[in-house]
Amino acid sequence: MRVVVDLNRCQGYAQCAFLAPDVFRMHGDEALLYVPQAGAEQRERLAQAVAACPVQAILVDDGEDGQHTLPAGALADGTGGHGGGGW
């Protein structure tokens, strides 16, 4: 699954890092690092992280048709975000 975070929108609330620590982590107080490709085993945790983001900065493409986010909501079209680069 492809993960995209709009780092311009992200405010560093760290809910995603708490809910999906294998995908997201905070570097310092405000910088978010994330893994841009997550395995299917992270599906439930990613859904929780997307739902918990107070500024809706996280999009997840589930890979099935390229147009799904987790949970259902806005479409992930590959635009409007920055690549993570992992850690």
N, C-alpha and C. Protein backbone atom coordinates (compact mmCIF):
# COMPACT_ATOMS: atom_id res chain seq x y z
N MET A 1 0.84 -1.17 0.00
CA MET A 1 0.00 0.00 0.00
C MET A 1 0.89 1.23 0.00
N ARG A 2 0.51 2.21 -0.80
CA ARG A 2 1.28 3.44 -0.88
C ARG A 2 0.73 4.46 0.12
N VAL A 3 1.62 5.04 0.90
CA VAL A 3 1.26 6.04 1.90
C VAL A 3 1.78 7.40 1.44
N VAL A 4 0.91 8.41 1.50
CA VAL A 4 1.29 9.77 1.16
C VAL A 4 0.81 10.69 2.27
N VAL A 5 1.71 11.52 2.78
CA VAL A 5 1.34 12.49 3.80
C VAL A 5 1.59 13.88 3.23
N ASP A 6 0.60 14.74 3.31
CA ASP A 6 0.77 16.12 2.91
C ASP A 6 1.48 16.82 4.05
N LEU A 7 2.79 16.97 3.92
CA LEU A 7 3.60 17.53 5.00
C LEU A 7 3.35 19.02 5.19
N ASN A 8 2.74 19.68 4.22
CA ASN A 8 2.33 21.07 4.41
C ASN A 8 1.12 21.18 5.31
N ARG A 9 0.29 20.16 5.28
CA ARG A 9 -0.92 20.13 6.10
C ARG A 9 -0.65 19.56 7.49
N CYS A 10 0.28 18.61 7.58
CA CYS A 10 0.59 17.93 8.85
C CYS A 10 1.00 18.96 9.91
N GLN A 11 0.42 18.83 11.09
CA GLN A 11 0.71 19.74 12.20
C GLN A 11 1.49 19.05 13.33
N GLY A 12 1.88 17.81 13.13
CA GLY A 12 2.70 17.10 14.12
C GLY A 12 1.95 16.65 15.35
N TYR A 13 0.66 16.35 15.23
CA TYR A 13 -0.11 15.86 16.37
C TYR A 13 0.32 14.45 16.80
N ALA A 14 0.94 13.71 15.91
CA ALA A 14 1.54 12.40 16.18
C ALA A 14 0.54 11.28 16.45
N GLN A 15 -0.71 11.48 16.13
CA GLN A 15 -1.68 10.39 16.31
C GLN A 15 -1.31 9.20 15.42
N CYS A 16 -0.84 9.48 14.21
CA CYS A 16 -0.45 8.40 13.30
C CYS A 16 0.71 7.59 13.85
N ALA A 17 1.69 8.27 14.45
CA ALA A 17 2.86 7.59 15.01
C ALA A 17 2.46 6.70 16.19
N PHE A 18 1.48 7.12 16.93
CA PHE A 18 0.98 6.32 18.05
C PHE A 18 0.23 5.09 17.54
N LEU A 19 -0.58 5.26 16.51
CA LEU A 19 -1.44 4.18 16.02
C LEU A 19 -0.75 3.23 15.04
N ALA A 20 0.22 3.71 14.29
CA ALA A 20 0.92 2.88 13.30
C ALA A 20 2.43 3.14 13.39
N PRO A 21 3.05 2.74 14.49
CA PRO A 21 4.47 3.06 14.70
C PRO A 21 5.43 2.40 13.72
N ASP A 22 4.99 1.36 13.02
CA ASP A 22 5.86 0.73 12.02
C ASP A 22 5.87 1.52 10.71
N VAL A 23 4.96 2.48 10.57
CA VAL A 23 4.86 3.28 9.35
C VAL A 23 5.24 4.73 9.60
N PHE A 24 4.83 5.27 10.75
CA PHE A 24 5.06 6.68 11.07
C PHE A 24 5.89 6.83 12.33
N ARG A 25 6.71 7.87 12.37
CA ARG A 25 7.37 8.25 13.62
C ARG A 25 7.72 9.72 13.57
N MET A 26 7.81 10.29 14.74
CA MET A 26 8.15 11.71 14.86
C MET A 26 9.66 11.84 15.01
N HIS A 27 10.20 12.84 14.37
CA HIS A 27 11.61 13.19 14.50
C HIS A 27 11.62 14.57 15.14
N GLY A 28 11.91 14.61 16.42
CA GLY A 28 11.78 15.86 17.15
C GLY A 28 10.32 16.09 17.50
N ASP A 29 9.96 17.33 17.73
CA ASP A 29 8.60 17.65 18.14
C ASP A 29 7.62 17.81 16.97
N GLU A 30 8.12 18.11 15.78
CA GLU A 30 7.19 18.45 14.70
C GLU A 30 7.43 17.73 13.38
N ALA A 31 8.59 17.14 13.16
CA ALA A 31 8.89 16.53 11.86
C ALA A 31 8.41 15.08 11.82
N LEU A 32 7.58 14.77 10.84
CA LEU A 32 7.06 13.42 10.67
C LEU A 32 7.88 12.69 9.63
N LEU A 33 8.29 11.48 9.96
CA LEU A 33 8.92 10.57 9.02
C LEU A 33 7.96 9.42 8.80
N TYR A 34 7.92 8.88 7.57
CA TYR A 34 7.04 7.75 7.32
C TYR A 34 7.59 6.89 6.20
N VAL A 35 7.13 5.66 6.17
CA VAL A 35 7.51 4.70 5.15
C VAL A 35 6.48 4.81 4.02
N PRO A 36 6.91 5.16 2.79
CA PRO A 36 5.94 5.39 1.71
C PRO A 36 5.28 4.11 1.16
N GLN A 37 5.85 2.95 1.43
CA GLN A 37 5.25 1.69 1.00
C GLN A 37 5.07 0.81 2.24
N ALA A 38 3.82 0.51 2.57
CA ALA A 38 3.53 -0.31 3.74
C ALA A 38 2.91 -1.62 3.28
N GLY A 39 3.17 -2.66 4.04
CA GLY A 39 2.62 -3.98 3.73
C GLY A 39 1.15 -4.09 4.11
N ALA A 40 0.50 -5.07 3.54
CA ALA A 40 -0.93 -5.29 3.80
C ALA A 40 -1.21 -5.57 5.27
N GLU A 41 -0.22 -6.07 5.99
CA GLU A 41 -0.41 -6.34 7.42
C GLU A 41 -0.62 -5.06 8.22
N GLN A 42 -0.30 -3.92 7.62
CA GLN A 42 -0.48 -2.62 8.28
C GLN A 42 -1.84 -2.00 7.98
N ARG A 43 -2.67 -2.66 7.22
CA ARG A 43 -3.95 -2.10 6.75
C ARG A 43 -4.81 -1.54 7.88
N GLU A 44 -5.06 -2.31 8.92
CA GLU A 44 -5.93 -1.86 10.01
C GLU A 44 -5.32 -0.68 10.76
N ARG A 45 -4.01 -0.74 11.03
CA ARG A 45 -3.36 0.36 11.74
C ARG A 45 -3.35 1.63 10.90
N LEU A 46 -3.14 1.49 9.60
CA LEU A 46 -3.18 2.66 8.71
C LEU A 46 -4.58 3.27 8.66
N ALA A 47 -5.60 2.43 8.63
CA ALA A 47 -6.97 2.93 8.64
C ALA A 47 -7.23 3.74 9.90
N GLN A 48 -6.74 3.25 11.03
CA GLN A 48 -6.91 3.98 12.29
C GLN A 48 -6.14 5.30 12.26
N ALA A 49 -4.93 5.29 11.71
CA ALA A 49 -4.12 6.51 11.64
C ALA A 49 -4.77 7.55 10.74
N VAL A 50 -5.28 7.12 9.59
CA VAL A 50 -5.95 8.05 8.67
C VAL A 50 -7.16 8.67 9.36
N ALA A 51 -7.96 7.84 10.03
CA ALA A 51 -9.16 8.33 10.70
C ALA A 51 -8.82 9.27 11.85
N ALA A 52 -7.69 9.05 12.52
CA ALA A 52 -7.32 9.85 13.70
C ALA A 52 -6.63 11.16 13.36
N CYS A 53 -6.15 11.32 12.14
CA CYS A 53 -5.42 12.54 11.78
C CYS A 53 -6.36 13.74 11.84
N PRO A 54 -6.11 14.69 12.75
CA PRO A 54 -7.02 15.82 12.91
C PRO A 54 -7.06 16.77 11.71
N VAL A 55 -6.03 16.75 10.87
CA VAL A 55 -6.00 17.65 9.71
C VAL A 55 -6.14 16.89 8.39
N GLN A 56 -6.43 15.61 8.45
CA GLN A 56 -6.64 14.76 7.28
C GLN A 56 -5.49 14.86 6.29
N ALA A 57 -4.27 14.70 6.78
CA ALA A 57 -3.08 14.85 5.94
C ALA A 57 -2.59 13.53 5.34
N ILE A 58 -3.21 12.41 5.70
CA ILE A 58 -2.71 11.10 5.27
C ILE A 58 -3.63 10.48 4.24
N LEU A 59 -3.04 10.03 3.13
CA LEU A 59 -3.75 9.27 2.11
C LEU A 59 -3.07 7.92 1.98
N VAL A 60 -3.86 6.87 1.78
CA VAL A 60 -3.33 5.54 1.58
C VAL A 60 -3.99 4.94 0.34
N ASP A 61 -3.16 4.55 -0.62
CA ASP A 61 -3.62 3.86 -1.82
C ASP A 61 -3.51 2.38 -1.52
N ASP A 62 -4.63 1.68 -1.51
CA ASP A 62 -4.61 0.27 -1.14
C ASP A 62 -4.08 -0.64 -2.23
N GLY A 63 -3.81 -0.08 -3.41
CA GLY A 63 -3.21 -0.86 -4.48
C GLY A 63 -4.18 -1.65 -5.32
N GLU A 64 -5.45 -1.72 -4.92
CA GLU A 64 -6.39 -2.52 -5.68
C GLU A 64 -6.81 -1.85 -6.98
N ASP A 65 -7.19 -0.58 -6.92
CA ASP A 65 -7.52 0.12 -8.16
C ASP A 65 -6.90 1.52 -8.21
N GLY A 66 -6.09 1.85 -7.21
CA GLY A 66 -5.40 3.12 -7.20
C GLY A 66 -6.26 4.30 -6.79
N GLN A 67 -7.47 4.06 -6.35
CA GLN A 67 -8.36 5.16 -6.03
C GLN A 67 -8.98 5.04 -4.64
N HIS A 68 -8.38 4.32 -3.74
CA HIS A 68 -8.95 4.15 -2.41
C HIS A 68 -8.07 4.82 -1.36
N THR A 69 -8.71 5.37 -0.38
CA THR A 69 -8.02 5.80 0.82
C THR A 69 -8.56 4.96 1.96
N LEU A 70 -7.87 4.94 3.04
CA LEU A 70 -8.34 4.22 4.22
C LEU A 70 -8.57 5.21 5.32
N PRO A 71 -9.69 5.30 5.92
CA PRO A 71 -10.94 4.66 5.52
C PRO A 71 -11.55 5.36 4.32
N ALA A 72 -12.70 4.87 3.87
CA ALA A 72 -13.35 5.46 2.70
C ALA A 72 -13.55 6.96 2.91
N GLY A 73 -13.23 7.73 1.91
CA GLY A 73 -13.33 9.18 2.01
C GLY A 73 -12.81 9.80 0.74
N ALA A 74 -11.95 10.78 0.87
CA ALA A 74 -11.37 11.45 -0.30
C ALA A 74 -10.54 10.46 -1.11
N LEU A 75 -10.46 10.67 -2.40
CA LEU A 75 -9.72 9.77 -3.27
C LEU A 75 -8.23 10.07 -3.25
N ALA A 76 -7.43 9.02 -3.28
CA ALA A 76 -5.97 9.17 -3.38
C ALA A 76 -5.60 9.17 -4.85
N ASP A 77 -5.31 10.33 -5.40
CA ASP A 77 -4.99 10.40 -6.82
C ASP A 77 -3.50 10.60 -7.06
N GLY A 78 -2.71 10.55 -5.98
CA GLY A 78 -1.28 10.69 -6.14
C GLY A 78 -0.79 12.12 -6.16
N THR A 79 -1.69 13.08 -5.96
CA THR A 79 -1.28 14.47 -5.97
C THR A 79 -1.43 15.07 -4.58
N GLY A 80 -0.82 16.19 -4.36
CA GLY A 80 -1.05 16.92 -3.13
C GLY A 80 -0.27 16.44 -1.93
N GLY A 81 0.72 15.61 -2.13
CA GLY A 81 1.48 15.13 -0.99
C GLY A 81 2.95 15.13 -1.28
N HIS A 82 3.72 14.75 -0.31
CA HIS A 82 5.17 14.66 -0.44
C HIS A 82 5.57 13.24 -0.11
N GLY A 83 6.55 12.71 -0.82
CA GLY A 83 7.04 11.38 -0.52
C GLY A 83 7.69 11.35 0.84
N GLY A 84 7.63 10.22 1.48
CA GLY A 84 8.16 10.11 2.83
C GLY A 84 9.64 9.86 2.86
N GLY A 85 10.09 8.84 2.15
CA GLY A 85 11.50 8.53 2.18
C GLY A 85 11.91 7.59 3.29
N GLY A 86 11.01 7.29 4.20
CA GLY A 86 11.30 6.35 5.26
C GLY A 86 12.31 6.86 6.27
N TRP A 87 12.85 5.96 7.01
CA TRP A 87 13.88 6.33 7.97
C TRP A 87 14.96 5.35 7.90
